[in-house]
Structures are given as structure tokens and as C-alpha cells.
Amino acid sequence: MSTLGKTQFQDVSRQHIEQVIKSLNKFEEYCSCITGLIINSATGEIPSIKEIIGNLKETYVTNQQRITHETISKGVSAADSSPPIELF
């Protein structure tokens, strides 16, 4: 079980890092859009940051990700009753 746990930890860590990279890329696109509108003194549609965050939230695969999101976005602490190893 120790080897399985370590393997899963590495896989989950990789997935979390990939999601952070994807999130940062989406935020960069959002900021670039706003910057472009400001620099060009243009009017246009600004993407909804709530929609972007909502779409990212749908990609969460672990209970811990959901708990972390809720804790940060609402400032409340949620109890974590998830097992140390999640199979998904």
C-alpha cells in the first residue's frame, strides 16, 4: 500500500500542478483581454471572471480541491472527511 500511496501522491501532485498551470493561463488570457481593451481604448466584451472560475471549479477531481476552493472563496472552513487516498 505504501508504494501505491506514493504513486498516487505523485499522480495527484502532477494533476494539481497541471490545473494550476491551466488556471494561470486562463487568468493571463483574461488580463490580456482587459489590457488590450485599455491600451486600444476599445469597447468590447470582457470575459466573466466568475464564469472562468466556475469552469475551473468543474475540473476539480478531489474533495480536497473543493474544500480548498470553498475555504478561500467564502472564508469558511469545511471539514475534510475524505480518505487519505482517493480513487477516481
N, C-alpha and C. Protein backbone atom coordinates (compact mmCIF):
# COMPACT_ATOMS: atom_id res chain seq x y z
N MET A 1 0.82 -1.20 0.00
CA MET A 1 0.00 0.00 0.00
C MET A 1 0.86 1.26 0.00
N SER A 2 2.01 1.20 0.60
CA SER A 2 2.89 2.35 0.65
C SER A 2 3.32 2.79 -0.75
N THR A 3 3.68 1.83 -1.58
CA THR A 3 4.09 2.16 -2.95
C THR A 3 2.91 2.72 -3.73
N LEU A 4 1.73 2.13 -3.56
CA LEU A 4 0.54 2.64 -4.23
C LEU A 4 0.23 4.06 -3.78
N GLY A 5 0.33 4.31 -2.50
CA GLY A 5 0.08 5.64 -1.96
C GLY A 5 1.06 6.67 -2.50
N LYS A 6 2.33 6.30 -2.60
CA LYS A 6 3.34 7.21 -3.14
C LYS A 6 3.10 7.48 -4.62
N THR A 7 2.71 6.44 -5.34
CA THR A 7 2.44 6.61 -6.77
C THR A 7 1.23 7.52 -6.96
N GLN A 8 0.20 7.29 -6.17
CA GLN A 8 -0.98 8.15 -6.30
C GLN A 8 -0.65 9.58 -5.90
N PHE A 9 0.15 9.76 -4.86
CA PHE A 9 0.54 11.11 -4.43
C PHE A 9 1.23 11.84 -5.58
N GLN A 10 2.14 11.15 -6.27
CA GLN A 10 2.84 11.78 -7.39
C GLN A 10 1.87 12.11 -8.52
N ASP A 11 0.93 11.23 -8.79
CA ASP A 11 -0.04 11.47 -9.86
C ASP A 11 -0.97 12.63 -9.50
N VAL A 12 -1.44 12.66 -8.28
CA VAL A 12 -2.31 13.74 -7.84
C VAL A 12 -1.55 15.06 -7.84
N SER A 13 -0.30 15.04 -7.40
CA SER A 13 0.53 16.24 -7.41
C SER A 13 0.69 16.76 -8.84
N ARG A 14 0.93 15.85 -9.77
CA ARG A 14 1.08 16.23 -11.18
C ARG A 14 -0.22 16.87 -11.69
N GLN A 15 -1.35 16.26 -11.35
CA GLN A 15 -2.64 16.80 -11.78
C GLN A 15 -2.89 18.19 -11.20
N HIS A 16 -2.54 18.37 -9.94
CA HIS A 16 -2.73 19.68 -9.30
C HIS A 16 -1.85 20.73 -9.98
N ILE A 17 -0.61 20.38 -10.26
CA ILE A 17 0.29 21.32 -10.93
C ILE A 17 -0.24 21.67 -12.31
N GLU A 18 -0.72 20.68 -13.05
CA GLU A 18 -1.30 20.94 -14.38
C GLU A 18 -2.51 21.86 -14.27
N GLN A 19 -3.33 21.67 -13.24
CA GLN A 19 -4.50 22.53 -13.08
C GLN A 19 -4.10 23.95 -12.70
N VAL A 20 -3.06 24.09 -11.89
CA VAL A 20 -2.57 25.43 -11.54
C VAL A 20 -2.06 26.14 -12.80
N ILE A 21 -1.32 25.42 -13.63
CA ILE A 21 -0.82 26.00 -14.88
C ILE A 21 -1.98 26.41 -15.78
N LYS A 22 -2.98 25.55 -15.90
CA LYS A 22 -4.15 25.86 -16.73
C LYS A 22 -4.88 27.09 -16.17
N SER A 23 -5.02 27.16 -14.86
CA SER A 23 -5.69 28.29 -14.23
C SER A 23 -4.93 29.59 -14.47
N LEU A 24 -3.62 29.54 -14.33
CA LEU A 24 -2.81 30.73 -14.56
C LEU A 24 -2.87 31.17 -16.02
N ASN A 25 -2.91 30.21 -16.94
CA ASN A 25 -3.04 30.55 -18.37
C ASN A 25 -4.38 31.24 -18.64
N LYS A 26 -5.46 30.72 -18.04
CA LYS A 26 -6.77 31.34 -18.22
C LYS A 26 -6.79 32.76 -17.65
N PHE A 27 -6.15 32.94 -16.49
CA PHE A 27 -6.10 34.27 -15.88
C PHE A 27 -5.26 35.21 -16.73
N GLU A 28 -4.19 34.70 -17.31
CA GLU A 28 -3.36 35.52 -18.20
C GLU A 28 -4.17 35.96 -19.42
N GLU A 29 -4.96 35.05 -19.99
CA GLU A 29 -5.83 35.41 -21.12
C GLU A 29 -6.81 36.51 -20.72
N TYR A 30 -7.39 36.37 -19.53
CA TYR A 30 -8.34 37.35 -19.01
C TYR A 30 -7.67 38.72 -18.88
N CYS A 31 -6.49 38.75 -18.27
CA CYS A 31 -5.76 40.01 -18.08
C CYS A 31 -5.33 40.61 -19.42
N SER A 32 -4.91 39.78 -20.35
CA SER A 32 -4.51 40.26 -21.68
C SER A 32 -5.69 40.90 -22.40
N CYS A 33 -6.86 40.30 -22.27
CA CYS A 33 -8.06 40.85 -22.88
C CYS A 33 -8.36 42.24 -22.33
N ILE A 34 -8.31 42.37 -21.03
CA ILE A 34 -8.58 43.66 -20.39
C ILE A 34 -7.51 44.67 -20.78
N THR A 35 -6.25 44.25 -20.76
CA THR A 35 -5.15 45.14 -21.13
C THR A 35 -5.32 45.62 -22.56
N GLY A 36 -5.67 44.71 -23.46
CA GLY A 36 -5.87 45.08 -24.86
C GLY A 36 -6.97 46.12 -25.02
N LEU A 37 -8.05 45.95 -24.29
CA LEU A 37 -9.14 46.92 -24.35
C LEU A 37 -8.72 48.29 -23.83
N ILE A 38 -7.94 48.30 -22.76
CA ILE A 38 -7.48 49.56 -22.17
C ILE A 38 -6.50 50.26 -23.11
N ILE A 39 -5.52 49.52 -23.60
CA ILE A 39 -4.49 50.11 -24.47
C ILE A 39 -5.11 50.67 -25.75
N ASN A 40 -6.04 49.96 -26.31
CA ASN A 40 -6.66 50.38 -27.57
C ASN A 40 -7.87 51.29 -27.37
N SER A 41 -8.15 51.63 -26.12
CA SER A 41 -9.34 52.44 -25.80
C SER A 41 -10.57 51.90 -26.53
N ALA A 42 -10.66 50.61 -26.56
CA ALA A 42 -11.74 49.96 -27.29
C ALA A 42 -12.84 49.52 -26.34
N THR A 43 -13.96 49.28 -26.93
CA THR A 43 -15.05 48.68 -26.17
C THR A 43 -15.19 47.26 -26.68
N GLY A 44 -15.46 46.40 -25.81
CA GLY A 44 -15.62 45.01 -26.18
C GLY A 44 -16.11 44.21 -25.00
N GLU A 45 -16.32 42.97 -25.25
CA GLU A 45 -16.82 42.11 -24.20
C GLU A 45 -15.67 41.60 -23.34
N ILE A 46 -15.79 41.83 -22.06
CA ILE A 46 -14.81 41.33 -21.10
C ILE A 46 -15.34 40.00 -20.59
N PRO A 47 -14.52 38.96 -20.65
CA PRO A 47 -14.97 37.65 -20.14
C PRO A 47 -15.32 37.74 -18.65
N SER A 48 -16.29 36.98 -18.25
CA SER A 48 -16.70 36.96 -16.85
C SER A 48 -15.71 36.14 -16.03
N ILE A 49 -15.11 36.79 -15.03
CA ILE A 49 -14.17 36.07 -14.17
C ILE A 49 -14.90 34.99 -13.37
N LYS A 50 -16.16 35.24 -13.03
CA LYS A 50 -16.93 34.23 -12.31
C LYS A 50 -17.14 32.99 -13.18
N GLU A 51 -17.37 33.20 -14.46
CA GLU A 51 -17.54 32.07 -15.37
C GLU A 51 -16.23 31.30 -15.53
N ILE A 52 -15.13 32.02 -15.62
CA ILE A 52 -13.82 31.37 -15.74
C ILE A 52 -13.54 30.52 -14.50
N ILE A 53 -13.78 31.09 -13.32
CA ILE A 53 -13.55 30.36 -12.07
C ILE A 53 -14.51 29.18 -11.97
N GLY A 54 -15.76 29.37 -12.37
CA GLY A 54 -16.73 28.28 -12.35
C GLY A 54 -16.31 27.12 -13.24
N ASN A 55 -15.79 27.45 -14.43
CA ASN A 55 -15.31 26.41 -15.34
C ASN A 55 -14.11 25.67 -14.76
N LEU A 56 -13.23 26.39 -14.10
CA LEU A 56 -12.08 25.74 -13.48
C LEU A 56 -12.52 24.85 -12.32
N LYS A 57 -13.50 25.32 -11.57
CA LYS A 57 -14.01 24.55 -10.43
C LYS A 57 -14.57 23.20 -10.87
N GLU A 58 -15.15 23.17 -12.06
CA GLU A 58 -15.72 21.92 -12.58
C GLU A 58 -14.65 20.89 -12.91
N THR A 59 -13.39 21.31 -13.01
CA THR A 59 -12.31 20.37 -13.33
C THR A 59 -11.71 19.71 -12.09
N TYR A 60 -12.16 20.11 -10.91
CA TYR A 60 -11.62 19.52 -9.68
C TYR A 60 -11.96 18.04 -9.62
N VAL A 61 -10.99 17.24 -9.21
CA VAL A 61 -11.21 15.80 -9.13
C VAL A 61 -11.15 15.26 -7.70
N THR A 62 -10.66 16.06 -6.77
CA THR A 62 -10.57 15.58 -5.39
C THR A 62 -11.43 16.44 -4.47
N ASN A 63 -11.84 15.84 -3.38
CA ASN A 63 -12.62 16.54 -2.37
C ASN A 63 -11.80 17.67 -1.77
N GLN A 64 -10.50 17.46 -1.63
CA GLN A 64 -9.62 18.49 -1.04
C GLN A 64 -9.61 19.75 -1.90
N GLN A 65 -9.66 19.60 -3.21
CA GLN A 65 -9.70 20.77 -4.08
C GLN A 65 -10.99 21.57 -3.84
N ARG A 66 -12.09 20.87 -3.72
CA ARG A 66 -13.37 21.54 -3.47
C ARG A 66 -13.36 22.26 -2.12
N ILE A 67 -12.82 21.60 -1.11
CA ILE A 67 -12.75 22.19 0.23
C ILE A 67 -11.87 23.43 0.20
N THR A 68 -10.72 23.34 -0.44
CA THR A 68 -9.82 24.48 -0.53
C THR A 68 -10.49 25.65 -1.25
N HIS A 69 -11.18 25.37 -2.34
CA HIS A 69 -11.87 26.42 -3.09
C HIS A 69 -12.92 27.12 -2.21
N GLU A 70 -13.73 26.33 -1.52
CA GLU A 70 -14.77 26.90 -0.67
C GLU A 70 -14.16 27.70 0.48
N THR A 71 -13.09 27.20 1.05
CA THR A 71 -12.44 27.88 2.17
C THR A 71 -11.91 29.24 1.73
N ILE A 72 -11.29 29.28 0.58
CA ILE A 72 -10.71 30.54 0.10
C ILE A 72 -11.78 31.49 -0.41
N SER A 73 -12.73 30.99 -1.17
CA SER A 73 -13.71 31.88 -1.77
C SER A 73 -14.74 32.41 -0.78
N LYS A 74 -15.05 31.65 0.23
CA LYS A 74 -16.07 32.07 1.19
C LYS A 74 -15.50 32.40 2.57
N GLY A 75 -14.23 32.11 2.76
CA GLY A 75 -13.62 32.41 4.04
C GLY A 75 -14.11 31.53 5.17
N VAL A 76 -14.63 30.36 4.83
CA VAL A 76 -15.11 29.44 5.86
C VAL A 76 -14.31 28.15 5.77
N SER A 77 -14.22 27.49 6.87
CA SER A 77 -13.51 26.22 6.90
C SER A 77 -14.51 25.08 6.81
N ALA A 78 -14.23 24.17 5.91
CA ALA A 78 -15.09 22.99 5.75
C ALA A 78 -14.35 21.77 6.28
N ALA A 79 -15.08 20.88 6.88
CA ALA A 79 -14.46 19.68 7.44
C ALA A 79 -14.06 18.75 6.31
N ASP A 80 -12.89 18.16 6.43
CA ASP A 80 -12.40 17.22 5.42
C ASP A 80 -12.58 15.82 5.96
N SER A 81 -13.54 15.10 5.38
CA SER A 81 -13.79 13.74 5.81
C SER A 81 -13.35 12.74 4.75
N SER A 82 -12.53 13.22 3.80
CA SER A 82 -12.12 12.34 2.71
C SER A 82 -11.03 11.38 3.17
N PRO A 83 -10.95 10.23 2.56
CA PRO A 83 -9.91 9.27 2.91
C PRO A 83 -8.55 9.78 2.43
N PRO A 84 -7.46 9.27 3.02
CA PRO A 84 -6.13 9.73 2.61
C PRO A 84 -5.80 9.40 1.15
N ILE A 85 -6.43 8.37 0.60
CA ILE A 85 -6.24 8.01 -0.80
C ILE A 85 -7.60 8.00 -1.47
N GLU A 86 -7.74 8.81 -2.52
CA GLU A 86 -8.99 8.86 -3.27
C GLU A 86 -8.80 8.13 -4.59
N LEU A 87 -9.74 7.29 -4.91
CA LEU A 87 -9.70 6.61 -6.19
C LEU A 87 -10.71 7.26 -7.11
N PHE A 88 -10.22 7.69 -8.27
CA PHE A 88 -11.12 8.37 -9.22
C PHE A 88 -10.78 7.98 -10.62
